[in-house]
Protein backbone atom coordinates (compact mmCIF):
# COMPACT_ATOMS: atom_id res chain seq x y z
CA MET A 1 39.92 88.81 49.94
CA ILE A 2 41.17 91.88 47.12
CA THR A 3 42.58 91.15 44.59
CA GLY A 4 42.86 93.96 41.98
CA HIS A 5 42.32 97.27 42.31
CA CYS A 6 39.85 98.74 45.24
CA ILE A 7 38.75 102.19 43.52
CA ALA A 8 35.77 104.03 44.40
CA GLY A 9 32.70 101.84 45.29
CA GLY A 10 34.84 98.61 45.76
CA PHE A 11 36.79 101.10 48.30
CA ILE A 12 33.87 101.59 50.00
CA PHE A 13 32.20 97.96 49.64
CA SER A 14 35.56 97.15 51.15
CA MET A 15 35.41 99.16 54.53
CA ALA A 16 31.82 97.98 55.08
CA HIS A 17 33.93 94.39 55.93
CA ASP A 18 35.28 93.51 59.33
CA TYR A 19 38.90 91.86 57.89
CA ARG A 20 40.18 93.22 54.89
CA ILE A 21 43.06 90.82 53.43
CA SER A 22 44.73 92.10 49.76
CA SER A 23 47.19 90.75 47.48
CA GLU A 24 50.50 92.57 46.90
CA ASN A 25 49.20 94.11 43.72
CA SER A 26 46.39 95.83 45.13
CA THR A 27 45.65 99.92 45.16
CA PHE A 28 43.29 101.88 47.03
CA CYS A 29 41.84 105.30 46.07
CA MET A 30 38.54 107.62 45.97
CA ASN A 31 38.71 108.96 42.43
CA GLU A 32 35.30 110.86 43.34
CA ILE A 33 37.39 113.10 44.69
CA HIS A 34 39.67 113.97 41.41
CA LEU A 35 36.18 114.38 39.82
CA GLY A 36 35.17 117.64 42.37
CA MET A 37 32.44 114.65 43.47
CA SER A 38 31.31 115.01 47.38
CA LEU A 39 30.99 111.60 49.66
CA PRO A 40 27.34 111.16 51.54
CA LYS A 41 27.89 111.01 55.22
CA GLY A 42 26.99 107.46 55.29
CA MET A 43 29.99 106.34 53.10
CA MET A 44 31.94 108.94 54.70
CA SER A 45 31.44 107.45 57.80
CA LEU A 46 32.92 103.68 56.72
CA PHE A 47 36.00 105.27 56.55
CA TYR A 48 35.91 107.78 59.74
CA GLU A 49 35.23 104.46 62.11
CA LYS A 50 37.68 102.36 60.65
CA LEU A 51 40.64 104.37 59.43
CA SER A 52 42.96 107.31 61.58
CA PRO A 53 42.14 110.56 61.66
CA ASN A 54 44.90 111.57 59.29
CA ILE A 55 43.97 108.52 56.75
CA PHE A 56 40.37 109.81 56.77
CA ARG A 57 41.70 112.96 55.79
CA ASP A 58 43.84 112.28 52.81
CA ILE A 59 41.25 109.63 51.75
CA ILE A 60 38.30 112.02 51.86
CA MET A 61 40.18 115.23 50.71
CA THR A 62 43.05 114.39 48.36
CA GLY A 63 41.64 111.37 46.70
CA LYS A 64 45.43 109.88 47.46
CA LYS A 65 46.17 106.60 46.06
CA TYR A 66 47.81 103.97 48.41
CA SER A 67 49.53 100.63 47.10
CA SER A 68 48.45 97.35 48.96
CA LYS A 69 51.96 98.07 51.65
CA GLU A 70 50.66 101.51 51.59
CA ALA A 71 47.46 100.27 52.93
CA LEU A 72 48.81 97.59 55.48
CA ASP A 73 51.22 100.28 57.03
CA PHE A 74 48.04 102.92 57.50
CA LYS A 75 45.96 100.12 58.90
CA ILE A 76 43.43 99.86 55.79
CA ILE A 77 43.62 96.68 55.46
CA ASP A 78 44.62 93.95 57.80
């Protein structure tokens, strides 16, 4: 159960799980992108395998922040 902000390493860790359940006040974001950092292939593969191509692109390329509602709508969480 994700009960708060799920950012950076926490977001990657959550993607390693089969089911991701979140509270209503959680946010999801890969803020490394805003710092100009790149992600290793192994970390990116978690997102690639579990998300649609458009959501994968937005997370990895733009570092977009998702609310719990958006994360549910886009199947980031269950």
